PDB file of N, CA and C in Angstrom:
ATOM      1  N   UNK A   1     -34.269 112.284   2.776  1.00  0.00           N
ATOM      2  CA  UNK A   1     -33.532 113.133   4.265  1.00  0.00           C
ATOM      3  C   UNK A   1     -32.105 112.948   4.210  1.00  0.00           C
ATOM      4  N   UNK A   2     -31.619 114.271   4.249  1.00  0.00           N
ATOM      5  CA  UNK A   2     -29.954 114.149   4.670  1.00  0.00           C
ATOM      6  C   UNK A   2     -29.368 114.067   5.930  1.00  0.00           C
ATOM      7  N   UNK A   3     -28.596 112.961   5.886  1.00  0.00           N
ATOM      8  CA  UNK A   3     -27.975 112.733   7.175  1.00  0.00           C
ATOM      9  C   UNK A   3     -26.555 114.092   7.087  1.00  0.00           C
ATOM     10  N   UNK A   4     -26.337 114.749   8.227  1.00  0.00           N
ATOM     11  CA  UNK A   4     -25.231 115.477   8.656  1.00  0.00           C
ATOM     12  C   UNK A   4     -24.877 115.189   9.494  1.00  0.00           C
ATOM     13  N   UNK A   5     -24.660 113.969  10.497  1.00  0.00           N
ATOM     14  CA  UNK A   5     -24.364 113.620  11.556  1.00  0.00           C
ATOM     15  C   UNK A   5     -24.658 114.628  12.899  1.00  0.00           C
ATOM     16  N   UNK A   6     -25.409 115.697  12.807  1.00  0.00           N
ATOM     17  CA  UNK A   6     -25.526 116.687  13.457  1.00  0.00           C
ATOM     18  C   UNK A   6     -26.565 115.935  15.060  1.00  0.00           C
ATOM     19  N   UNK A   7     -27.683 115.028  14.262  1.00  0.00           N
ATOM     20  CA  UNK A   7     -27.944 114.419  15.765  1.00  0.00           C
ATOM     21  C   UNK A   7     -27.533 113.258  16.116  1.00  0.00           C
ATOM     22  N   UNK A   8     -27.802 113.257  16.784  1.00  0.00           N
ATOM     23  CA  UNK A   8     -27.178 111.762  17.812  1.00  0.00           C
ATOM     24  C   UNK A   8     -28.152 110.774  16.718  1.00  0.00           C
ATOM     25  N   UNK A   9     -27.323 109.543  16.459  1.00  0.00           N
ATOM     26  CA  UNK A   9     -27.321 108.390  15.892  1.00  0.00           C
ATOM     27  C   UNK A   9     -28.515 107.680  16.869  1.00  0.00           C
ATOM     28  N   UNK A  10     -28.587 108.117  17.985  1.00  0.00           N
ATOM     29  CA  UNK A  10     -29.638 107.268  19.155  1.00  0.00           C
ATOM     30  C   UNK A  10     -30.333 107.610  18.771  1.00  0.00           C
ATOM     31  N   UNK A  11     -31.119 109.119  18.721  1.00  0.00           N
ATOM     32  CA  UNK A  11     -32.097 109.554  18.885  1.00  0.00           C
ATOM     33  C   UNK A  11     -33.134 109.823  17.528  1.00  0.00           C
ATOM     34  N   UNK A  12     -32.092 109.310  16.704  1.00  0.00           N
ATOM     35  CA  UNK A  12     -32.619 109.674  15.124  1.00  0.00           C
ATOM     36  C   UNK A  12     -33.918 108.753  14.919  1.00  0.00           C
ATOM     37  N   UNK A  13     -33.756 107.579  15.159  1.00  0.00           N
ATOM     38  CA  UNK A  13     -35.173 106.647  15.351  1.00  0.00           C
ATOM     39  C   UNK A  13     -36.342 107.244  15.836  1.00  0.00           C
ATOM     40  N   UNK A  14     -35.989 107.384  17.223  1.00  0.00           N
ATOM     41  CA  UNK A  14     -37.242 107.818  18.148  1.00  0.00           C
ATOM     42  C   UNK A  14     -37.560 109.419  16.984  1.00  0.00           C
ATOM     43  N   UNK A  15     -37.313 110.140  17.064  1.00  0.00           N
ATOM     44  CA  UNK A  15     -37.684 111.248  16.253  1.00  0.00           C
ATOM     45  C   UNK A  15     -38.710 111.112  14.687  1.00  0.00           C
ATOM     46  N   UNK A  16     -37.984 109.958  14.190  1.00  0.00           N
ATOM     47  CA  UNK A  16     -38.540 109.243  13.168  1.00  0.00           C
ATOM     48  C   UNK A  16     -40.022 109.394  13.323  1.00  0.00           C
ATOM     49  N   UNK A  17     -39.872 108.455  14.569  1.00  0.00           N
ATOM     50  CA  UNK A  17     -41.236 107.846  14.872  1.00  0.00           C
ATOM     51  C   UNK A  17     -42.635 109.089  15.144  1.00  0.00           C
ATOM     52  N   UNK A  18     -41.752 109.672  16.364  1.00  0.00           N
ATOM     53  CA  UNK A  18     -42.665 110.799  16.019  1.00  0.00           C
ATOM     54  C   UNK A  18     -43.161 111.949  15.082  1.00  0.00           C
ATOM     55  N   UNK A  19     -42.384 111.573  14.181  1.00  0.00           N
ATOM     56  CA  UNK A  19     -42.829 112.278  13.091  1.00  0.00           C
ATOM     57  C   UNK A  19     -44.226 111.469  12.347  1.00  0.00           C
ATOM     58  N   UNK A  20     -43.381 110.416  12.410  1.00  0.00           N
ATOM     59  CA  UNK A  20     -44.722 109.628  11.427  1.00  0.00           C
ATOM     60  C   UNK A  20     -45.842 109.512  11.933  1.00  0.00           C
ATOM     61  N   UNK A  21     -45.924 109.652  12.803  1.00  0.00           N
ATOM     62  CA  UNK A  21     -47.013 109.915  14.274  1.00  0.00           C
ATOM     63  C   UNK A  21     -47.614 110.987  13.532  1.00  0.00           C
ATOM     64  N   UNK A  22     -46.665 112.208  13.992  1.00  0.00           N
ATOM     65  CA  UNK A  22     -48.049 113.387  13.058  1.00  0.00           C
ATOM     66  C   UNK A  22     -48.221 113.247  12.107  1.00  0.00           C
ATOM     67  N   UNK A  23     -47.646 112.980  11.176  1.00  0.00           N
ATOM     68  CA  UNK A  23     -48.489 112.455  10.000  1.00  0.00           C
ATOM     69  C   UNK A  23     -49.813 111.934  10.124  1.00  0.00           C
ATOM     70  N   UNK A  24     -49.850 111.220  11.592  1.00  0.00           N
ATOM     71  CA  UNK A  24     -51.345 110.668  11.119  1.00  0.00           C
ATOM     72  C   UNK A  24     -50.985 108.995  10.660  1.00  0.00           C
ATOM     73  N   UNK A  25     -49.989 108.701  10.976  1.00  0.00           N
ATOM     74  CA  UNK A  25     -49.724 107.207  10.639  1.00  0.00           C
ATOM     75  C   UNK A  25     -50.173 106.578  11.614  1.00  0.00           C
ATOM     76  N   UNK A  26     -50.839 105.622  11.648  1.00  0.00           N
ATOM     77  CA  UNK A  26     -51.134 104.233  12.575  1.00  0.00           C
ATOM     78  C   UNK A  26     -50.039 103.785  13.554  1.00  0.00           C
ATOM     79  N   UNK A  27     -50.226 103.344  14.510  1.00  0.00           N
ATOM     80  CA  UNK A  27     -48.808 102.803  15.204  1.00  0.00           C
ATOM     81  C   UNK A  27     -48.780 101.516  14.835  1.00  0.00           C
ATOM     82  N   UNK A  28     -49.370 100.911  13.881  1.00  0.00           N
ATOM     83  CA  UNK A  28     -48.625  99.612  13.530  1.00  0.00           C
ATOM     84  C   UNK A  28     -48.334  99.890  12.344  1.00  0.00           C
ATOM     85  N   UNK A  29     -48.366 100.856  11.315  1.00  0.00           N
ATOM     86  CA  UNK A  29     -47.538 101.070  10.296  1.00  0.00           C
ATOM     87  C   UNK A  29     -46.412 101.986  10.963  1.00  0.00           C
ATOM     88  N   UNK A  30     -46.462 102.446  11.579  1.00  0.00           N
ATOM     89  CA  UNK A  30     -45.092 103.376  12.245  1.00  0.00           C
ATOM     90  C   UNK A  30     -43.968 102.199  12.634  1.00  0.00           C
ATOM     91  N   UNK A  31     -44.731 100.742  13.621  1.00  0.00           N
ATOM     92  CA  UNK A  31     -43.662  99.847  13.721  1.00  0.00           C
ATOM     93  C   UNK A  31     -42.874  99.545  12.683  1.00  0.00           C
ATOM     94  N   UNK A  32     -44.364  98.736  11.863  1.00  0.00           N
ATOM     95  CA  UNK A  32     -43.108  98.142  10.571  1.00  0.00           C
ATOM     96  C   UNK A  32     -42.414  98.849   9.995  1.00  0.00           C
ATOM     97  N   UNK A  33     -42.903 100.220   9.619  1.00  0.00           N
ATOM     98  CA  UNK A  33     -41.796 101.174   8.832  1.00  0.00           C
ATOM     99  C   UNK A  33     -40.499 101.688   9.576  1.00  0.00           C
ATOM    100  N   UNK A  34     -40.352 101.171  11.103  1.00  0.00           N
ATOM    101  CA  UNK A  34     -39.334 101.377  11.925  1.00  0.00           C
ATOM    102  C   UNK A  34     -38.574 100.316  12.076  1.00  0.00           C
ATOM    103  N   UNK A  35     -39.594  99.263  12.067  1.00  0.00           N
ATOM    104  CA  UNK A  35     -38.563  98.246  12.326  1.00  0.00           C
ATOM    105  C   UNK A  35     -38.665  98.175  14.090  1.00  0.00           C
ATOM    106  N   UNK A  36     -39.516  98.112  14.613  1.00  0.00           N
ATOM    107  CA  UNK A  36     -39.653  98.056  15.656  1.00  0.00           C
ATOM    108  C   UNK A  36     -40.694  97.653  15.982  1.00  0.00           C
ATOM    109  N   UNK A  37     -41.338  97.812  17.741  1.00  0.00           N
ATOM    110  CA  UNK A  37     -43.035  96.750  17.886  1.00  0.00           C
ATOM    111  C   UNK A  37     -43.379  97.561  18.277  1.00  0.00           C
ATOM    112  N   UNK A  38     -44.379  97.649  18.055  1.00  0.00           N
ATOM    113  CA  UNK A  38     -46.039  98.406  18.168  1.00  0.00           C
ATOM    114  C   UNK A  38     -45.651  98.930  19.995  1.00  0.00           C
ATOM    115  N   UNK A  39     -44.921  98.189  21.100  1.00  0.00           N
ATOM    116  CA  UNK A  39     -45.343  98.859  22.093  1.00  0.00           C
ATOM    117  C   UNK A  39     -43.737  99.786  22.473  1.00  0.00           C
ATOM    118  N   UNK A  40     -42.915 100.000  21.632  1.00  0.00           N
ATOM    119  CA  UNK A  40     -41.987 100.733  21.445  1.00  0.00           C
ATOM    120  C   UNK A  40     -42.609 101.956  20.912  1.00  0.00           C
ATOM    121  N   UNK A  41     -43.198 102.006  19.783  1.00  0.00           N
ATOM    122  CA  UNK A  41     -43.592 103.507  19.397  1.00  0.00           C
ATOM    123  C   UNK A  41     -45.014 103.805  20.420  1.00  0.00           C
ATOM    124  N   UNK A  42     -45.340 102.907  21.001  1.00  0.00           N
ATOM    125  CA  UNK A  42     -46.624 103.670  21.874  1.00  0.00           C
ATOM    126  C   UNK A  42     -45.884 104.026  23.237  1.00  0.00           C
ATOM    127  N   UNK A  43     -44.659 103.294  23.544  1.00  0.00           N
ATOM    128  CA  UNK A  43     -43.703 104.308  24.706  1.00  0.00           C
ATOM    129  C   UNK A  43     -43.151 105.684  24.475  1.00  0.00           C
ATOM    130  N   UNK A  44     -42.537 105.602  23.300  1.00  0.00           N
ATOM    131  CA  UNK A  44     -41.965 107.358  22.440  1.00  0.00           C
ATOM    132  C   UNK A  44     -42.795 108.169  22.139  1.00  0.00           C
ATOM    133  N   UNK A  45     -43.872 107.719  21.959  1.00  0.00           N
ATOM    134  CA  UNK A  45     -44.909 108.885  21.641  1.00  0.00           C
ATOM    135  C   UNK A  45     -45.849 109.571  22.910  1.00  0.00           C
ATOM    136  N   UNK A  46     -45.709 108.398  23.956  1.00  0.00           N
ATOM    137  CA  UNK A  46     -46.428 108.887  25.556  1.00  0.00           C
ATOM    138  C   UNK A  46     -44.808 109.948  26.199  1.00  0.00           C
ATOM    139  N   UNK A  47     -43.833 109.171  25.796  1.00  0.00           N
ATOM    140  CA  UNK A  47     -43.143 110.324  26.282  1.00  0.00           C
ATOM    141  C   UNK A  47     -43.112 111.446  25.694  1.00  0.00           C
ATOM    142  N   UNK A  48     -43.435 111.402  24.386  1.00  0.00           N
ATOM    143  CA  UNK A  48     -43.256 112.850  23.489  1.00  0.00           C
ATOM    144  C   UNK A  48     -43.852 113.736  24.027  1.00  0.00           C
ATOM    145  N   UNK A  49     -45.526 112.777  24.427  1.00  0.00           N
ATOM    146  CA  UNK A  49     -47.006 113.666  24.514  1.00  0.00           C
ATOM    147  C   UNK A  49     -46.515 114.576  25.832  1.00  0.00           C
ATOM    148  N   UNK A  50     -46.020 113.411  26.851  1.00  0.00           N
ATOM    149  CA  UNK A  50     -45.277 113.932  28.139  1.00  0.00           C
ATOM    150  C   UNK A  50     -44.296 115.412  28.029  1.00  0.00           C
ATOM    151  N   UNK A  51     -43.640 115.043  27.528  1.00  0.00           N
ATOM    152  CA  UNK A  51     -42.193 115.602  28.243  1.00  0.00           C
ATOM    153  C   UNK A  51     -41.785 116.192  26.976  1.00  0.00           C
ATOM    154  N   UNK A  52     -42.804 116.170  25.423  1.00  0.00           N
ATOM    155  CA  UNK A  52     -42.035 117.142  24.559  1.00  0.00           C
ATOM    156  C   UNK A  52     -40.639 116.677  23.983  1.00  0.00           C
ATOM    157  N   UNK A  53     -39.809 117.437  23.182  1.00  0.00           N
ATOM    158  CA  UNK A  53     -39.063 116.756  23.093  1.00  0.00           C
ATOM    159  C   UNK A  53     -37.721 116.295  23.925  1.00  0.00           C
ATOM    160  N   UNK A  54     -37.719 117.259  25.314  1.00  0.00           N
ATOM    161  CA  UNK A  54     -36.831 116.302  26.270  1.00  0.00           C
ATOM    162  C   UNK A  54     -37.001 115.542  26.583  1.00  0.00           C
ATOM    163  N   UNK A  55     -37.998 114.526  26.068  1.00  0.00           N
ATOM    164  CA  UNK A  55     -38.731 113.632  25.948  1.00  0.00           C
ATOM    165  C   UNK A  55     -38.107 112.523  25.353  1.00  0.00           C
ATOM    166  N   UNK A  56     -37.425 112.620  24.246  1.00  0.00           N
ATOM    167  CA  UNK A  56     -36.776 112.162  23.445  1.00  0.00           C
ATOM    168  C   UNK A  56     -35.147 112.492  23.554  1.00  0.00           C
ATOM    169  N   UNK A  57     -34.945 113.285  23.747  1.00  0.00           N
ATOM    170  CA  UNK A  57     -33.619 114.075  23.950  1.00  0.00           C
ATOM    171  C   UNK A  57     -32.534 112.886  24.919  1.00  0.00           C
ATOM    172  N   UNK A  58     -33.570 113.009  26.045  1.00  0.00           N
ATOM    173  CA  UNK A  58     -32.971 112.649  27.271  1.00  0.00           C
ATOM    174  C   UNK A  58     -33.564 111.178  27.755  1.00  0.00           C
ATOM    175  N   UNK A  59     -32.721 110.637  27.937  1.00  0.00           N
ATOM    176  CA  UNK A  59     -33.294 109.106  27.859  1.00  0.00           C
ATOM    177  C   UNK A  59     -33.852 108.751  29.589  1.00  0.00           C
ATOM    178  N   UNK A  60     -34.841 108.117  29.394  1.00  0.00           N
ATOM    179  CA  UNK A  60     -35.034 107.398  30.798  1.00  0.00           C
ATOM    180  C   UNK A  60     -34.405 107.211  31.936  1.00  0.00           C
ATOM    181  N   UNK A  61     -34.493 107.675  33.364  1.00  0.00           N
ATOM    182  CA  UNK A  61     -33.346 106.391  34.030  1.00  0.00           C
ATOM    183  C   UNK A  61     -34.233 105.174  33.844  1.00  0.00           C
ATOM    184  N   UNK A  62     -32.926 104.211  34.306  1.00  0.00           N
ATOM    185  CA  UNK A  62     -33.652 102.985  33.964  1.00  0.00           C
ATOM    186  C   UNK A  62     -33.108 102.375  35.552  1.00  0.00           C
ATOM    187  N   UNK A  63     -33.428 101.038  35.432  1.00  0.00           N
ATOM    188  CA  UNK A  63     -33.959 100.376  36.830  1.00  0.00           C
ATOM    189  C   UNK A  63     -32.530  99.391  37.036  1.00  0.00           C
ATOM    190  N   UNK A  64     -31.635  99.693  38.060  1.00  0.00           N
ATOM    191  CA  UNK A  64     -30.584  98.843  38.283  1.00  0.00           C
ATOM    192  C   UNK A  64     -30.655  98.175  39.659  1.00  0.00           C
ATOM    193  N   UNK A  65     -29.452  97.653  39.817  1.00  0.00           N
ATOM    194  CA  UNK A  65     -29.231  97.242  41.157  1.00  0.00           C
ATOM    195  C   UNK A  65     -28.810  98.060  42.140  1.00  0.00           C
ATOM    196  N   UNK A  66     -30.190  98.056  43.309  1.00  0.00           N
ATOM    197  CA  UNK A  66     -29.700  98.844  44.427  1.00  0.00           C
ATOM    198  C   UNK A  66     -28.525  98.847  45.023  1.00  0.00           C
ATOM    199  N   UNK A  67     -27.863  99.980  45.951  1.00  0.00           N
ATOM    200  CA  UNK A  67     -27.009 100.102  46.340  1.00  0.00           C
ATOM    201  C   UNK A  67     -26.663  99.284  47.429  1.00  0.00           C
ATOM    202  N   UNK A  68     -25.505  98.915  47.213  1.00  0.00           N
ATOM    203  CA  UNK A  68     -25.420  98.108  48.502  1.00  0.00           C
ATOM    204  C   UNK A  68     -25.354  99.289  49.943  1.00  0.00           C
ATOM    205  N   UNK A  69     -24.857 100.020  49.938  1.00  0.00           N
ATOM    206  CA  UNK A  69     -24.262 101.178  51.230  1.00  0.00           C
ATOM    207  C   UNK A  69     -25.339 102.080  50.662  1.00  0.00           C
ATOM    208  N   UNK A  70     -26.212 102.747  51.810  1.00  0.00           N
ATOM    209  CA  UNK A  70     -27.231 103.618  51.571  1.00  0.00           C
ATOM    210  C   UNK A  70     -26.004 104.746  51.973  1.00  0.00           C
ATOM    211  N   UNK A  71     -26.512 105.959  51.255  1.00  0.00           N
ATOM    212  CA  UNK A  71     -25.541 107.271  50.752  1.00  0.00           C
ATOM    213  C   UNK A  71     -25.612 108.074  51.867  1.00  0.00           C
ATOM    214  N   UNK A  72     -26.349 108.049  53.683  1.00  0.00           N
ATOM    215  CA  UNK A  72     -26.102 108.144  54.517  1.00  0.00           C
ATOM    216  C   UNK A  72     -25.007 107.578  55.184  1.00  0.00           C
ATOM    217  N   UNK A  73     -24.526 105.962  55.294  1.00  0.00           N
ATOM    218  CA  UNK A  73     -23.601 105.400  55.206  1.00  0.00           C
ATOM    219  C   UNK A  73     -22.029 105.920  54.659  1.00  0.00           C
ATOM    220  N   UNK A  74     -22.822 106.195  53.562  1.00  0.00           N
ATOM    221  CA  UNK A  74     -20.771 106.364  53.182  1.00  0.00           C
ATOM    222  C   UNK A  74     -20.735 107.789  53.446  1.00  0.00           C
ATOM    223  N   UNK A  75     -21.544 108.875  53.497  1.00  0.00           N
ATOM    224  CA  UNK A  75     -21.411 110.149  53.677  1.00  0.00           C
ATOM    225  C   UNK A  75     -21.018 110.092  54.967  1.00  0.00           C
ATOM    226  N   UNK A  76     -21.333 108.963  56.079  1.00  0.00           N
ATOM    227  CA  UNK A  76     -20.640 109.287  57.386  1.00  0.00           C
ATOM    228  C   UNK A  76     -19.258 108.436  57.457  1.00  0.00           C
ATOM    229  N   UNK A  77     -19.112 107.332  56.659  1.00  0.00           N
ATOM    230  CA  UNK A  77     -17.785 106.894  56.534  1.00  0.00           C
ATOM    231  C   UNK A  77     -16.473 107.922  55.895  1.00  0.00           C
ATOM    232  N   UNK A  78     -17.448 108.422  54.951  1.00  0.00           N
ATOM    233  CA  UNK A  78     -15.942 109.725  54.499  1.00  0.00           C
ATOM    234  C   UNK A  78     -15.645 110.838  55.241  1.00  0.00           C
ATOM    235  N   UNK A  79     -16.653 111.286  56.024  1.00  0.00           N
ATOM    236  CA  UNK A  79     -17.013 112.396  56.993  1.00  0.00           C
ATOM    237  C   UNK A  79     -15.343 111.931  58.039  1.00  0.00           C
ATOM    238  N   UNK A  80     -15.785 110.685  58.631  1.00  0.00           N
ATOM    239  CA  UNK A  80     -15.259 109.945  59.648  1.00  0.00           C
ATOM    240  C   UNK A  80     -13.347 110.013  59.073  1.00  0.00           C
ATOM    241  N   UNK A  81     -13.488 109.535  57.749  1.00  0.00           N
ATOM    242  CA  UNK A  81     -12.076 109.040  57.048  1.00  0.00           C
ATOM    243  C   UNK A  81     -11.753 110.536  57.172  1.00  0.00           C
ATOM    244  N   UNK A  82     -11.955 111.805  56.625  1.00  0.00           N
ATOM    245  CA  UNK A  82     -11.761 112.768  56.612  1.00  0.00           C
ATOM    246  C   UNK A  82     -11.276 113.614  57.711  1.00  0.00           C
ATOM    247  N   UNK A  83     -12.244 113.518  58.969  1.00  0.00           N
ATOM    248  CA  UNK A  83     -11.973 114.197  59.761  1.00  0.00           C
ATOM    249  C   UNK A  83     -11.303 113.435  61.465  1.00  0.00           C
ATOM    250  N   UNK A  84     -10.637 112.372  61.399  1.00  0.00           N
ATOM    251  CA  UNK A  84     -10.389 111.204  62.354  1.00  0.00           C
ATOM    252  C   UNK A  84      -9.007 110.592  61.633  1.00  0.00           C
ATOM    253  N   UNK A  85      -7.856 110.651  62.669  1.00  0.00           N
ATOM    254  CA  UNK A  85      -6.635 109.988  62.190  1.00  0.00           C
ATOM    255  C   UNK A  85      -6.241 108.740  63.080  1.00  0.00           C
ATOM    256  N   UNK A  86      -5.797 107.951  62.600  1.00  0.00           N
ATOM    257  CA  UNK A  86      -5.607 106.537  63.309  1.00  0.00           C
ATOM    258  C   UNK A  86      -4.222 106.481  64.529  1.00  0.00           C
ATOM    259  N   UNK A  87      -4.024 106.175  65.593  1.00  0.00           N
ATOM    260  CA  UNK A  87      -2.816 106.347  66.395  1.00  0.00           C
ATOM    261  C   UNK A  87      -1.544 106.007  65.271  1.00  0.00           C
ATOM    262  N   UNK A  88      -0.553 106.724  65.047  1.00  0.00           N
ATOM    263  CA  UNK A  88       0.413 106.718  64.524  1.00  0.00           C
ATOM    264  C   UNK A  88       0.428 106.762  63.002  1.00  0.00           C
ATOM    265  N   UNK A  89      -0.628 106.651  62.487  1.00  0.00           N
ATOM    266  CA  UNK A  89      -0.998 107.262  60.682  1.00  0.00           C
ATOM    267  C   UNK A  89      -1.179 108.027  60.522  1.00  0.00           C
ATOM    268  N   UNK A  90      -1.555 108.524  58.879  1.00  0.00           N
ATOM    269  CA  UNK A  90      -1.838 109.775  58.252  1.00  0.00           C
ATOM    270  C   UNK A  90      -3.549 109.368  58.226  1.00  0.00           C
ATOM    271  N   UNK A  91      -3.739 108.022  57.578  1.00  0.00           N
ATOM    272  CA  UNK A  91      -5.230 108.010  57.241  1.00  0.00           C
ATOM    273  C   UNK A  91      -5.472 106.578  57.962  1.00  0.00           C
ATOM    274  N   UNK A  92      -7.332 105.827  58.153  1.00  0.00           N
ATOM    275  CA  UNK A  92      -7.053 104.848  58.258  1.00  0.00           C
ATOM    276  C   UNK A  92      -6.976 103.891  57.047  1.00  0.00           C
ATOM    277  N   UNK A  93      -6.276 102.745  56.923  1.00  0.00           N
ATOM    278  CA  UNK A  93      -6.507 101.600  56.592  1.00  0.00           C
ATOM    279  C   UNK A  93      -7.796 100.760  56.359  1.00  0.00           C
ATOM    280  N   UNK A  94      -8.245 100.619  54.518  1.00  0.00           N
ATOM    281  CA  UNK A  94      -9.183  99.687  54.774  1.00  0.00           C
ATOM    282  C   UNK A  94      -9.824  99.312  55.663  1.00  0.00           C
ATOM    283  N   UNK A  95      -8.634  98.675  56.026  1.00  0.00           N
ATOM    284  CA  UNK A  95      -9.076  97.229  57.803  1.00  0.00           C
ATOM    285  C   UNK A  95      -9.872  98.292  58.811  1.00  0.00           C
ATOM    286  N   UNK A  96      -8.962  98.909  58.971  1.00  0.00           N
ATOM    287  CA  UNK A  96      -9.586  99.900  59.629  1.00  0.00           C
ATOM    288  C   UNK A  96     -10.956 100.638  59.485  1.00  0.00           C
ATOM    289  N   UNK A  97     -11.225 100.755  58.654  1.00  0.00           N
ATOM    290  CA  UNK A  97     -12.696 101.230  58.225  1.00  0.00           C
ATOM    291  C   UNK A  97     -13.171 100.169  58.280  1.00  0.00           C
ATOM    292  N   UNK A  98     -13.063  99.201  57.679  1.00  0.00           N
ATOM    293  CA  UNK A  98     -14.097  98.146  57.656  1.00  0.00           C
ATOM    294  C   UNK A  98     -14.486  97.508  59.102  1.00  0.00           C
ATOM    295  N   UNK A  99     -13.443  97.228  59.675  1.00  0.00           N
ATOM    296  CA  UNK A  99     -14.018  97.020  61.291  1.00  0.00           C
ATOM    297  C   UNK A  99     -14.725  98.428  61.989  1.00  0.00           C
ATOM    298  N   UNK A 100     -14.572  99.540  61.630  1.00  0.00           N
ATOM    299  CA  UNK A 100     -15.079 100.673  62.192  1.00  0.00           C
ATOM    300  C   UNK A 100     -16.960 101.009  61.470  1.00  0.00           C
TER     301      UNK A 100
END
């Protein structure tokens, strides 16, 4: 197999898993050959089955820390900042915004 640098290197191992599965190899054999765990093989096979090529090319969203401030509150703060002026100033300070 010739490497031309066209495919992102992050995607290459995932596509090899799918190609080996298409060849009829078992999940355990694919895991051994690919140097990954069997659950990883199962994950990528399932993603390919559900989403096709798009499931391999695009990473799934990962869980992360919840946002400390809800989107509605952020929107309200932005609108208040853009539409109001403090007396004697051009924009509210960070301290004025925090108090509000």
